[in-house]
Amino acid sequence: MKEMLHITGIFDRLSGGNSSEETNQQEENTIEDYEELLKEYKDAEAEIRINIATLYFERENFKESIKNLEKAIEIYTELKDLEKQALVFDLMGDINRFNKKNNSALKHYREAYRIYSEINSDHKIEIQEKIDKIQVNMTAREAETIYDGISPKRTENNNVSSQKSPDYSKISSNIEEVIGMLKGADTYLSYAKSENPMEALESAYDMSSGIGDDAAKSTLLMIMGYVNLEKSKTEDSLKYFNEAFENFQEIDDKIGVAVSSLLIGTAYYIIGNIDMVNSNFRKSIAIFRELKDVFGENVAMRLMNAIYEE
């Protein structure tokens, strides 16, 4: 940063001077030398713009801060300095995120990610994490607005729904994705597609019980609940989900608790108990956020959105 402030030295070199030594030095300078000096000057100007933007940000003058960063981008674009362009886009994303302008923040983060990917920089990983967090938060707010605003007409007595059950063919893949976060779930989910799924799952459950594999038992209970949910046996599915929830709590498997809470909420959506839907969905999201599990939260949100789009 200090090097960029040596602008006076640049001007001294450009001015020439009166001494014969300075005159000779000036005569020795080539076009390339001056072009290099010009690049140094422009780079220094861009750095100063970033400093000014920082000061405006500290004063919470976000408009002027962004304006100066945009001028820095213009300079770095002219200098074809991709890495510094990405850095400034990242800064612009940070400012917009702080100012709760998530759409603008996403736009700038994505541009930074594009450039970092182009130059194969490891910084793209950090940018992707920022993008994921914003998308999760935006989706969460949308989902909360949706299920907070569900009309009471959907639950005439808060226990029995007068609405047609959702088409499970449209949310089946989302449920499988949620269950897939559990240990060993991918293998056990194949049992759900067998000719006699409950028989196959119960056999696997007995085997897991015999060896004391509590995590596997809980996962199998979740899949049994899923099979019953698909068969419109919602009350039975709830029993399996709740038993799995209790087991996951006993073995302190927080991901398991989050997943079972999410599917308990799904079952209650079918029954029509919206209070229980909200309670379980929020519980699930809270756990994923506590664990800083961005992927898990995204998976949960995709299921919730698929349900509410029904």
C-alpha atoms as a PDB file:
ATOM      1  CA  MET A   1       0.000   0.000   0.000  1.00  0.00           C
ATOM      2  CA  LYS A   2       2.816   2.399   0.838  1.00  0.00           C
ATOM      3  CA  GLU A   3       4.512   1.799  -2.485  1.00  0.00           C
ATOM      4  CA  MET A   4       1.551   3.198  -4.341  1.00  0.00           C
ATOM      5  CA  LEU A   5       1.966   6.511  -2.545  1.00  0.00           C
ATOM      6  CA  HIS A   6       5.315   7.151  -4.184  1.00  0.00           C
ATOM      7  CA  ILE A   7       3.542   9.059  -6.909  1.00  0.00           C
ATOM      8  CA  THR A   8       5.767  12.064  -6.389  1.00  0.00           C
ATOM      9  CA  GLY A   9       8.695   9.999  -7.507  1.00  0.00           C
ATOM     10  CA  ILE A  10       6.880   9.147 -10.698  1.00  0.00           C
ATOM     11  CA  PHE A  11       6.164  12.781 -11.440  1.00  0.00           C
ATOM     12  CA  ASP A  12       9.797  13.689 -10.754  1.00  0.00           C
ATOM     13  CA  ARG A  13      10.871  11.166 -13.340  1.00  0.00           C
ATOM     14  CA  LEU A  14       8.394  12.512 -15.861  1.00  0.00           C
ATOM     15  CA  SER A  15       9.236  16.180 -15.287  1.00  0.00           C
ATOM     16  CA  GLY A  16      12.827  15.889 -16.451  1.00  0.00           C
ATOM     17  CA  GLY A  17      14.481  18.804 -14.577  1.00  0.00           C
ATOM     18  CA  ASN A  18      17.255  21.188 -15.564  1.00  0.00           C
ATOM     19  CA  SER A  19      20.408  19.267 -14.769  1.00  0.00           C
ATOM     20  CA  SER A  20      22.278  17.545 -17.548  1.00  0.00           C
ATOM     21  CA  GLU A  21      22.052  14.254 -15.636  1.00  0.00           C
ATOM     22  CA  GLU A  22      18.249  14.503 -15.516  1.00  0.00           C
ATOM     23  CA  THR A  23      18.165  15.512 -19.209  1.00  0.00           C
ATOM     24  CA  ASN A  24      20.220  12.475 -20.164  1.00  0.00           C
ATOM     25  CA  GLN A  25      17.984  10.254 -18.081  1.00  0.00           C
ATOM     26  CA  GLN A  26      14.916  11.666 -19.847  1.00  0.00           C
ATOM     27  CA  GLU A  27      16.444  11.016 -23.247  1.00  0.00           C
ATOM     28  CA  GLU A  28      17.107   7.408 -22.271  1.00  0.00           C
ATOM     29  CA  ASN A  29      13.442   6.781 -21.413  1.00  0.00           C
ATOM     30  CA  THR A  30      11.522   4.846 -24.050  1.00  0.00           C
ATOM     31  CA  ILE A  31       7.819   4.684 -24.866  1.00  0.00           C
ATOM     32  CA  GLU A  32       7.722   1.404 -23.003  1.00  0.00           C
ATOM     33  CA  ASP A  33       9.196   3.108 -19.937  1.00  0.00           C
ATOM     34  CA  TYR A  34       6.480   5.748 -19.960  1.00  0.00           C
ATOM     35  CA  GLU A  35       3.765   3.163 -20.539  1.00  0.00           C
ATOM     36  CA  GLU A  36       5.045   1.248 -17.537  1.00  0.00           C
ATOM     37  CA  LEU A  37       4.992   4.439 -15.471  1.00  0.00           C
ATOM     38  CA  LEU A  38       1.440   5.057 -16.616  1.00  0.00           C
ATOM     39  CA  LYS A  39       0.421   1.600 -15.467  1.00  0.00           C
ATOM     40  CA  GLU A  40       2.021   2.249 -12.100  1.00  0.00           C
ATOM     41  CA  TYR A  41       0.124   5.507 -11.815  1.00  0.00           C
ATOM     42  CA  LYS A  42      -3.199   3.902 -12.748  1.00  0.00           C
ATOM     43  CA  ASP A  43      -2.636   1.045 -10.341  1.00  0.00           C
ATOM     44  CA  ALA A  44      -1.905   3.590  -7.618  1.00  0.00           C
ATOM     45  CA  GLU A  45      -5.111   5.439  -8.457  1.00  0.00           C
ATOM     46  CA  ALA A  46      -7.115   2.237  -8.161  1.00  0.00           C
ATOM     47  CA  GLU A  47      -5.569   1.526  -4.759  1.00  0.00           C
ATOM     48  CA  ILE A  48      -6.462   5.015  -3.610  1.00  0.00           C
ATOM     49  CA  ARG A  49     -10.038   4.505  -4.817  1.00  0.00           C
ATOM     50  CA  ILE A  50     -10.235   1.366  -2.673  1.00  0.00           C
ATOM     51  CA  ASN A  51      -8.946   3.304   0.354  1.00  0.00           C
ATOM     52  CA  ILE A  52     -11.515   6.030  -0.230  1.00  0.00           C
ATOM     53  CA  ALA A  53     -14.230   3.378  -0.573  1.00  0.00           C
ATOM     54  CA  THR A  54     -13.146   1.897   2.746  1.00  0.00           C
ATOM     55  CA  LEU A  55     -13.444   5.251   4.489  1.00  0.00           C
ATOM     56  CA  TYR A  56     -16.899   5.839   3.004  1.00  0.00           C
ATOM     57  CA  PHE A  57     -17.937   2.360   4.140  1.00  0.00           C
ATOM     58  CA  GLU A  58     -16.814   3.121   7.697  1.00  0.00           C
ATOM     59  CA  ARG A  59     -19.020   6.213   7.574  1.00  0.00           C
ATOM     60  CA  GLU A  60     -21.870   4.019   6.238  1.00  0.00           C
ATOM     61  CA  ASN A  61     -22.007   5.979   3.018  1.00  0.00           C
ATOM     62  CA  PHE A  62     -22.466   2.846   0.941  1.00  0.00           C
ATOM     63  CA  LYS A  63     -23.385   4.643  -2.260  1.00  0.00           C
ATOM     64  CA  GLU A  64     -20.097   6.543  -2.440  1.00  0.00           C
ATOM     65  CA  SER A  65     -18.175   3.482  -1.341  1.00  0.00           C
ATOM     66  CA  ILE A  66     -19.565   1.419  -4.216  1.00  0.00           C
ATOM     67  CA  LYS A  67     -19.025   4.299  -6.643  1.00  0.00           C
ATOM     68  CA  ASN A  68     -15.307   4.404  -5.858  1.00  0.00           C
ATOM     69  CA  LEU A  69     -14.994   0.641  -6.135  1.00  0.00           C
ATOM     70  CA  GLU A  70     -16.660   0.778  -9.542  1.00  0.00           C
ATOM     71  CA  LYS A  71     -14.009   3.274 -10.657  1.00  0.00           C
ATOM     72  CA  ALA A  72     -11.330   0.920  -9.352  1.00  0.00           C
ATOM     73  CA  ILE A  73     -12.893  -1.866 -11.429  1.00  0.00           C
ATOM     74  CA  GLU A  74     -12.724   0.305 -14.533  1.00  0.00           C
ATOM     75  CA  ILE A  75      -9.018   0.891 -13.963  1.00  0.00           C
ATOM     76  CA  TYR A  76      -8.210  -2.762 -13.317  1.00  0.00           C
ATOM     77  CA  THR A  77     -10.221  -3.708 -16.404  1.00  0.00           C
ATOM     78  CA  GLU A  78      -8.109  -1.326 -18.489  1.00  0.00           C
ATOM     79  CA  LEU A  79      -4.964  -2.774 -16.927  1.00  0.00           C
ATOM     80  CA  LYS A  80      -6.297  -6.298 -17.567  1.00  0.00           C
ATOM     81  CA  ASP A  81      -5.590  -7.226 -13.955  1.00  0.00           C
ATOM     82  CA  LEU A  82      -8.125 -10.017 -13.419  1.00  0.00           C
ATOM     83  CA  GLU A  83      -7.133 -10.914  -9.862  1.00  0.00           C
ATOM     84  CA  LYS A  84      -7.612  -7.359  -8.604  1.00  0.00           C
ATOM     85  CA  GLN A  85     -10.899  -7.090 -10.492  1.00  0.00           C
ATOM     86  CA  ALA A  86     -12.133 -10.161  -8.629  1.00  0.00           C
ATOM     87  CA  LEU A  87     -10.915  -8.716  -5.332  1.00  0.00           C
ATOM     88  CA  VAL A  88     -12.910  -5.524  -5.860  1.00  0.00           C
ATOM     89  CA  PHE A  89     -16.038  -7.430  -6.899  1.00  0.00           C
ATOM     90  CA  ASP A  90     -15.652  -9.404  -3.676  1.00  0.00           C
ATOM     91  CA  LEU A  91     -15.449  -6.165  -1.679  1.00  0.00           C
ATOM     92  CA  MET A  92     -18.545  -4.827  -3.430  1.00  0.00           C
ATOM     93  CA  GLY A  93     -20.356  -8.026  -2.515  1.00  0.00           C
ATOM     94  CA  ASP A  94     -19.346  -7.627   1.136  1.00  0.00           C
ATOM     95  CA  ILE A  95     -20.623  -4.056   1.244  1.00  0.00           C
ATOM     96  CA  ASN A  96     -23.949  -4.941  -0.356  1.00  0.00           C
ATOM     97  CA  ARG A  97     -24.394  -7.924   1.950  1.00  0.00           C
ATOM     98  CA  PHE A  98     -23.715  -5.672   4.973  1.00  0.00           C
ATOM     99  CA  ASN A  99     -26.267  -3.231   3.577  1.00  0.00           C
ATOM    100  CA  LYS A 100     -28.781  -6.120   3.189  1.00  0.00           C
ATOM    101  CA  LYS A 101     -28.820  -5.803  -0.604  1.00  0.00           C
ATOM    102  CA  ASN A 102     -28.529  -9.529  -1.181  1.00  0.00           C
ATOM    103  CA  ASN A 103     -29.353  -9.547  -4.886  1.00  0.00           C
ATOM    104  CA  SER A 104     -26.606  -7.031  -5.600  1.00  0.00           C
ATOM    105  CA  ALA A 105     -24.228  -8.917  -3.323  1.00  0.00           C
ATOM    106  CA  LEU A 106     -24.920 -12.150  -5.201  1.00  0.00           C
ATOM    107  CA  LYS A 107     -24.282 -10.447  -8.540  1.00  0.00           C
ATOM    108  CA  HIS A 108     -20.880  -9.170  -7.421  1.00  0.00           C
ATOM    109  CA  TYR A 109     -19.883 -12.416  -5.692  1.00  0.00           C
ATOM    110  CA  ARG A 110     -20.765 -14.386  -8.807  1.00  0.00           C
ATOM    111  CA  GLU A 111     -18.642 -12.100 -10.938  1.00  0.00           C
ATOM    112  CA  ALA A 112     -15.749 -12.523  -8.511  1.00  0.00           C
ATOM    113  CA  TYR A 113     -16.263 -16.296  -8.629  1.00  0.00           C
ATOM    114  CA  ARG A 114     -16.281 -16.271 -12.434  1.00  0.00           C
ATOM    115  CA  ILE A 115     -12.977 -14.407 -12.583  1.00  0.00           C
ATOM    116  CA  TYR A 116     -11.308 -16.485  -9.872  1.00  0.00           C
ATOM    117  CA  SER A 117     -12.400 -19.614 -11.742  1.00  0.00           C
ATOM    118  CA  GLU A 118     -10.966 -18.225 -14.965  1.00  0.00           C
ATOM    119  CA  ILE A 119      -7.554 -17.666 -13.381  1.00  0.00           C
ATOM    120  CA  ASN A 120      -7.839 -20.889 -11.339  1.00  0.00           C
ATOM    121  CA  SER A 121      -7.540 -19.130  -7.987  1.00  0.00           C
ATOM    122  CA  ASP A 122      -8.272 -20.890  -4.696  1.00  0.00           C
ATOM    123  CA  HIS A 123     -10.169 -17.760  -3.612  1.00  0.00           C
ATOM    124  CA  LYS A 124     -13.163 -19.081  -5.567  1.00  0.00           C
ATOM    125  CA  ILE A 125     -13.827 -21.488  -2.669  1.00  0.00           C
ATOM    126  CA  GLU A 126     -14.273 -18.574  -0.247  1.00  0.00           C
ATOM    127  CA  ILE A 127     -16.560 -16.806  -2.714  1.00  0.00           C
ATOM    128  CA  GLN A 128     -18.679 -19.924  -3.194  1.00  0.00           C
ATOM    129  CA  GLU A 129     -19.162 -20.131   0.577  1.00  0.00           C
ATOM    130  CA  LYS A 130     -20.397 -16.524   0.624  1.00  0.00           C
ATOM    131  CA  ILE A 131     -22.774 -17.241  -2.263  1.00  0.00           C
ATOM    132  CA  ASP A 132     -24.130 -20.330  -0.511  1.00  0.00           C
ATOM    133  CA  LYS A 133     -24.750 -18.449   2.734  1.00  0.00           C
ATOM    134  CA  ILE A 134     -26.656 -15.668   1.006  1.00  0.00           C
ATOM    135  CA  GLN A 135     -28.764 -18.111  -0.985  1.00  0.00           C
ATOM    136  CA  VAL A 136     -29.599 -20.067   2.163  1.00  0.00           C
ATOM    137  CA  ASN A 137     -30.621 -16.919   4.053  1.00  0.00           C
ATOM    138  CA  MET A 138     -32.712 -15.643   1.146  1.00  0.00           C
ATOM    139  CA  THR A 139     -34.443 -18.997   0.729  1.00  0.00           C
ATOM    140  CA  ALA A 140     -35.048 -19.244   4.463  1.00  0.00           C
ATOM    141  CA  ARG A 141     -36.791 -15.886   4.554  1.00  0.00           C
ATOM    142  CA  GLU A 142     -38.899 -16.833   1.548  1.00  0.00           C
ATOM    143  CA  ALA A 143     -39.878 -20.130   3.146  1.00  0.00           C
ATOM    144  CA  GLU A 144     -40.706 -18.492   6.475  1.00  0.00           C
ATOM    145  CA  THR A 145     -42.892 -15.963   4.681  1.00  0.00           C
ATOM    146  CA  ILE A 146     -44.653 -18.776   2.875  1.00  0.00           C
ATOM    147  CA  TYR A 147     -45.435 -20.990   5.834  1.00  0.00           C
ATOM    148  CA  ASP A 148     -46.094 -18.097   8.214  1.00  0.00           C
ATOM    149  CA  GLY A 149     -48.643 -16.817   5.745  1.00  0.00           C
ATOM    150  CA  ILE A 150     -50.504 -20.073   5.096  1.00  0.00           C
ATOM    151  CA  SER A 151     -54.219 -19.435   5.206  1.00  0.00           C
ATOM    152  CA  PRO A 152     -56.164 -20.928   8.125  1.00  0.00           C
ATOM    153  CA  LYS A 153     -58.537 -22.312   5.496  1.00  0.00           C
ATOM    154  CA  ARG A 154     -55.990 -25.047   4.925  1.00  0.00           C
ATOM    155  CA  THR A 155     -56.681 -26.424   8.418  1.00  0.00           C
ATOM    156  CA  GLU A 156     -60.337 -26.197   9.380  1.00  0.00           C
ATOM    157  CA  ASN A 157     -59.803 -27.927  12.742  1.00  0.00           C
ATOM    158  CA  ASN A 158     -55.986 -27.682  12.870  1.00  0.00           C
ATOM    159  CA  ASN A 159     -55.762 -31.474  12.875  1.00  0.00           C
ATOM    160  CA  VAL A 160     -57.536 -32.700   9.771  1.00  0.00           C
ATOM    161  CA  SER A 161     -56.728 -31.172   6.427  1.00  0.00           C
ATOM    162  CA  SER A 162     -59.534 -30.495   3.975  1.00  0.00           C
ATOM    163  CA  GLN A 163     -56.990 -30.164   1.193  1.00  0.00           C
ATOM    164  CA  LYS A 164     -55.853 -32.801  -1.259  1.00  0.00           C
ATOM    165  CA  SER A 165     -52.548 -34.420  -0.301  1.00  0.00           C
ATOM    166  CA  PRO A 166     -49.510 -33.288  -2.277  1.00  0.00           C
ATOM    167  CA  ASP A 167     -48.339 -35.313  -5.249  1.00  0.00           C
ATOM    168  CA  TYR A 168     -45.458 -37.288  -3.757  1.00  0.00           C
ATOM    169  CA  SER A 169     -43.972 -37.923  -7.164  1.00  0.00           C
ATOM    170  CA  LYS A 170     -43.009 -34.231  -7.115  1.00  0.00           C
ATOM    171  CA  ILE A 171     -41.350 -34.231  -3.702  1.00  0.00           C
ATOM    172  CA  SER A 172     -40.095 -37.814  -3.515  1.00  0.00           C
ATOM    173  CA  SER A 173     -36.648 -36.909  -4.834  1.00  0.00           C
ATOM    174  CA  ASN A 174     -36.425 -34.053  -2.318  1.00  0.00           C
ATOM    175  CA  ILE A 175     -37.261 -36.376   0.572  1.00  0.00           C
ATOM    176  CA  GLU A 176     -34.687 -38.899  -0.628  1.00  0.00           C
ATOM    177  CA  GLU A 177     -32.117 -36.096  -0.821  1.00  0.00           C
ATOM    178  CA  VAL A 178     -32.873 -35.166   2.782  1.00  0.00           C
ATOM    179  CA  ILE A 179     -32.645 -38.761   4.017  1.00  0.00           C
ATOM    180  CA  GLY A 180     -29.478 -39.171   1.953  1.00  0.00           C
ATOM    181  CA  MET A 181     -27.641 -36.948   4.439  1.00  0.00           C
ATOM    182  CA  LEU A 182     -27.848 -39.758   6.996  1.00  0.00           C
ATOM    183  CA  LYS A 183     -25.052 -42.298   7.347  1.00  0.00           C
ATOM    184  CA  GLY A 184     -25.633 -45.393   5.193  1.00  0.00           C
ATOM    185  CA  ALA A 185     -28.882 -43.991   3.798  1.00  0.00           C
ATOM    186  CA  ASP A 186     -27.946 -44.423   0.136  1.00  0.00           C
ATOM    187  CA  THR A 187     -27.746 -48.190   0.559  1.00  0.00           C
ATOM    188  CA  TYR A 188     -30.934 -48.466   2.588  1.00  0.00           C
ATOM    189  CA  LEU A 189     -32.927 -46.246   0.227  1.00  0.00           C
ATOM    190  CA  SER A 190     -32.551 -48.921  -2.436  1.00  0.00           C
ATOM    191  CA  TYR A 191     -34.654 -51.198  -0.198  1.00  0.00           C
ATOM    192  CA  ALA A 192     -37.512 -48.705  -0.469  1.00  0.00           C
ATOM    193  CA  LYS A 193     -37.704 -49.450  -4.200  1.00  0.00           C
ATOM    194  CA  SER A 194     -37.848 -53.221  -3.805  1.00  0.00           C
ATOM    195  CA  GLU A 195     -40.963 -55.315  -4.403  1.00  0.00           C
ATOM    196  CA  ASN A 196     -41.675 -55.575  -0.666  1.00  0.00           C
ATOM    197  CA  PRO A 197     -39.958 -52.475   0.772  1.00  0.00           C
ATOM    198  CA  MET A 198     -41.199 -52.778   4.352  1.00  0.00           C
ATOM    199  CA  GLU A 199     -40.181 -56.402   4.567  1.00  0.00           C
ATOM    200  CA  ALA A 200     -36.677 -55.586   3.312  1.00  0.00           C
ATOM    201  CA  LEU A 201     -36.356 -52.593   5.652  1.00  0.00           C
ATOM    202  CA  GLU A 202     -37.605 -54.493   8.690  1.00  0.00           C
ATOM    203  CA  SER A 203     -35.122 -57.283   7.964  1.00  0.00           C
ATOM    204  CA  ALA A 204     -32.289 -54.739   7.805  1.00  0.00           C
ATOM    205  CA  TYR A 205     -33.601 -53.128  11.009  1.00  0.00           C
ATOM    206  CA  ASP A 206     -33.500 -56.461  12.855  1.00  0.00           C
ATOM    207  CA  MET A 207     -29.964 -57.049  11.645  1.00  0.00           C
ATOM    208  CA  SER A 208     -28.863 -53.594  12.837  1.00  0.00           C
ATOM    209  CA  SER A 209     -30.527 -54.203  16.211  1.00  0.00           C
ATOM    210  CA  GLY A 210     -28.656 -57.467  16.542  1.00  0.00           C
ATOM    211  CA  ILE A 211     -25.274 -55.749  16.194  1.00  0.00           C
ATOM    212  CA  GLY A 212     -26.265 -52.673  18.208  1.00  0.00           C
ATOM    213  CA  ASP A 213     -25.964 -50.225  15.319  1.00  0.00           C
ATOM    214  CA  ASP A 214     -28.258 -47.473  16.657  1.00  0.00           C
ATOM    215  CA  ALA A 215     -27.439 -45.021  13.856  1.00  0.00           C
ATOM    216  CA  ALA A 216     -28.430 -47.557  11.188  1.00  0.00           C
ATOM    217  CA  LYS A 217     -31.620 -48.419  13.080  1.00  0.00           C
ATOM    218  CA  SER A 218     -32.614 -44.750  13.191  1.00  0.00           C
ATOM    219  CA  THR A 219     -31.890 -44.257   9.502  1.00  0.00           C
ATOM    220  CA  LEU A 220     -33.974 -47.321   8.626  1.00  0.00           C
ATOM    221  CA  LEU A 221     -36.851 -45.946  10.705  1.00  0.00           C
ATOM    222  CA  MET A 222     -36.683 -42.746   8.666  1.00  0.00           C
ATOM    223  CA  ILE A 223     -36.920 -44.697   5.423  1.00  0.00           C
ATOM    224  CA  MET A 224     -39.813 -46.789   6.774  1.00  0.00           C
ATOM    225  CA  GLY A 225     -41.580 -43.519   7.535  1.00  0.00           C
ATOM    226  CA  TYR A 226     -40.871 -42.328   4.009  1.00  0.00           C
ATOM    227  CA  VAL A 227     -42.341 -45.528   2.502  1.00  0.00           C
ATOM    228  CA  ASN A 228     -45.507 -45.084   4.581  1.00  0.00           C
ATOM    229  CA  LEU A 229     -45.702 -41.430   3.605  1.00  0.00           C
ATOM    230  CA  GLU A 230     -45.682 -42.379  -0.063  1.00  0.00           C
ATOM    231  CA  LYS A 231     -48.499 -44.869   0.599  1.00  0.00           C
ATOM    232  CA  SER A 232     -50.535 -42.062   2.237  1.00  0.00           C
ATOM    233  CA  LYS A 233     -50.220 -43.765   5.622  1.00  0.00           C
ATOM    234  CA  THR A 234     -49.320 -40.464   7.231  1.00  0.00           C
ATOM    235  CA  GLU A 235     -50.067 -41.391  10.835  1.00  0.00           C
ATOM    236  CA  ASP A 236     -47.862 -44.484  10.530  1.00  0.00           C
ATOM    237  CA  SER A 237     -45.082 -42.433   8.947  1.00  0.00           C
ATOM    238  CA  LEU A 238     -45.201 -40.024  11.890  1.00  0.00           C
ATOM    239  CA  LYS A 239     -44.679 -42.890  14.328  1.00  0.00           C
ATOM    240  CA  TYR A 240     -41.540 -43.973  12.486  1.00  0.00           C
ATOM    241  CA  PHE A 241     -40.227 -40.400  12.163  1.00  0.00           C
ATOM    242  CA  ASN A 242     -40.822 -39.653  15.846  1.00  0.00           C
ATOM    243  CA  GLU A 243     -39.134 -42.869  16.945  1.00  0.00           C
ATOM    244  CA  ALA A 244     -36.154 -42.036  14.752  1.00  0.00           C
ATOM    245  CA  PHE A 245     -36.100 -38.513  16.201  1.00  0.00           C
ATOM    246  CA  GLU A 246     -35.916 -39.889  19.756  1.00  0.00           C
ATOM    247  CA  ASN A 247     -33.168 -42.341  18.794  1.00  0.00           C
ATOM    248  CA  PHE A 248     -31.095 -39.635  17.120  1.00  0.00           C
ATOM    249  CA  GLN A 249     -31.425 -37.519  20.252  1.00  0.00           C
ATOM    250  CA  GLU A 250     -30.233 -40.395  22.440  1.00  0.00           C
ATOM    251  CA  ILE A 251     -27.091 -40.948  20.356  1.00  0.00           C
ATOM    252  CA  ASP A 252     -26.550 -37.168  20.023  1.00  0.00           C
ATOM    253  CA  ASP A 253     -26.741 -37.231  16.215  1.00  0.00           C
ATOM    254  CA  LYS A 254     -27.677 -33.633  15.421  1.00  0.00           C
ATOM    255  CA  ILE A 255     -27.922 -34.179  11.686  1.00  0.00           C
ATOM    256  CA  GLY A 256     -30.300 -37.040  12.375  1.00  0.00           C
ATOM    257  CA  VAL A 257     -32.399 -34.820  14.636  1.00  0.00           C
ATOM    258  CA  ALA A 258     -32.514 -32.108  11.954  1.00  0.00           C
ATOM    259  CA  VAL A 259     -33.500 -34.563   9.218  1.00  0.00           C
ATOM    260  CA  SER A 260     -36.193 -36.272  11.313  1.00  0.00           C
ATOM    261  CA  SER A 261     -37.595 -32.878  12.363  1.00  0.00           C
ATOM    262  CA  LEU A 262     -37.853 -31.887   8.722  1.00  0.00           C
ATOM    263  CA  LEU A 263     -39.767 -35.030   7.744  1.00  0.00           C
ATOM    264  CA  ILE A 264     -41.965 -34.823  10.842  1.00  0.00           C
ATOM    265  CA  GLY A 265     -42.892 -31.341   9.639  1.00  0.00           C
ATOM    266  CA  THR A 266     -43.625 -32.752   6.176  1.00  0.00           C
ATOM    267  CA  ALA A 267     -45.986 -35.366   7.638  1.00  0.00           C
ATOM    268  CA  TYR A 268     -47.764 -32.724   9.719  1.00  0.00           C
ATOM    269  CA  TYR A 269     -48.207 -30.666   6.564  1.00  0.00           C
ATOM    270  CA  ILE A 270     -50.236 -33.533   5.122  1.00  0.00           C
ATOM    271  CA  ILE A 271     -52.256 -33.911   8.303  1.00  0.00           C
ATOM    272  CA  GLY A 272     -52.890 -30.186   8.343  1.00  0.00           C
ATOM    273  CA  ASN A 273     -51.348 -29.177  11.670  1.00  0.00           C
ATOM    274  CA  ILE A 274     -49.568 -26.025  10.537  1.00  0.00           C
ATOM    275  CA  ASP A 275     -48.296 -25.127  14.004  1.00  0.00           C
ATOM    276  CA  MET A 276     -46.379 -28.389  14.098  1.00  0.00           C
ATOM    277  CA  VAL A 277     -45.157 -27.802  10.549  1.00  0.00           C
ATOM    278  CA  ASN A 278     -43.652 -24.457  11.487  1.00  0.00           C
ATOM    279  CA  SER A 279     -42.199 -25.728  14.757  1.00  0.00           C
ATOM    280  CA  ASN A 280     -40.424 -28.704  13.195  1.00  0.00           C
ATOM    281  CA  PHE A 281     -39.189 -26.881  10.102  1.00  0.00           C
ATOM    282  CA  ARG A 282     -37.720 -24.097  12.229  1.00  0.00           C
ATOM    283  CA  LYS A 283     -36.122 -26.636  14.563  1.00  0.00           C
ATOM    284  CA  SER A 284     -34.457 -28.336  11.596  1.00  0.00           C
ATOM    285  CA  ILE A 285     -33.131 -25.120  10.078  1.00  0.00           C
ATOM    286  CA  ALA A 286     -31.862 -23.926  13.475  1.00  0.00           C
ATOM    287  CA  ILE A 287     -29.782 -27.092  13.871  1.00  0.00           C
ATOM    288  CA  PHE A 288     -28.232 -26.813  10.406  1.00  0.00           C
ATOM    289  CA  ARG A 289     -27.328 -23.200  11.127  1.00  0.00           C
ATOM    290  CA  GLU A 290     -25.887 -24.098  14.528  1.00  0.00           C
ATOM    291  CA  LEU A 291     -23.698 -26.678  12.782  1.00  0.00           C
ATOM    292  CA  LYS A 292     -22.897 -24.169  10.007  1.00  0.00           C
ATOM    293  CA  ASP A 293     -23.984 -26.879   7.582  1.00  0.00           C
ATOM    294  CA  VAL A 294     -24.764 -24.797   4.504  1.00  0.00           C
ATOM    295  CA  PHE A 295     -25.281 -27.856   2.316  1.00  0.00           C
ATOM    296  CA  GLY A 296     -27.734 -29.389   4.765  1.00  0.00           C
ATOM    297  CA  GLU A 297     -29.679 -26.149   5.049  1.00  0.00           C
ATOM    298  CA  ASN A 298     -29.901 -25.883   1.270  1.00  0.00           C
ATOM    299  CA  VAL A 299     -31.234 -29.442   1.025  1.00  0.00           C
ATOM    300  CA  ALA A 300     -33.835 -28.687   3.700  1.00  0.00           C
ATOM    301  CA  MET A 301     -34.927 -25.532   1.932  1.00  0.00           C
ATOM    302  CA  ARG A 302     -35.352 -27.329  -1.370  1.00  0.00           C
ATOM    303  CA  LEU A 303     -37.772 -29.784   0.236  1.00  0.00           C
ATOM    304  CA  MET A 304     -39.686 -27.010   1.985  1.00  0.00           C
ATOM    305  CA  ASN A 305     -40.014 -25.000  -1.194  1.00  0.00           C
ATOM    306  CA  ALA A 306     -41.110 -28.083  -3.152  1.00  0.00           C
ATOM    307  CA  ILE A 307     -43.840 -28.703  -0.552  1.00  0.00           C
ATOM    308  CA  TYR A 308     -45.123 -25.133  -0.585  1.00  0.00           C
ATOM    309  CA  GLU A 309     -45.182 -25.016  -4.353  1.00  0.00           C
ATOM    310  CA  GLU A 310     -47.768 -27.786  -4.320  1.00  0.00           C
END
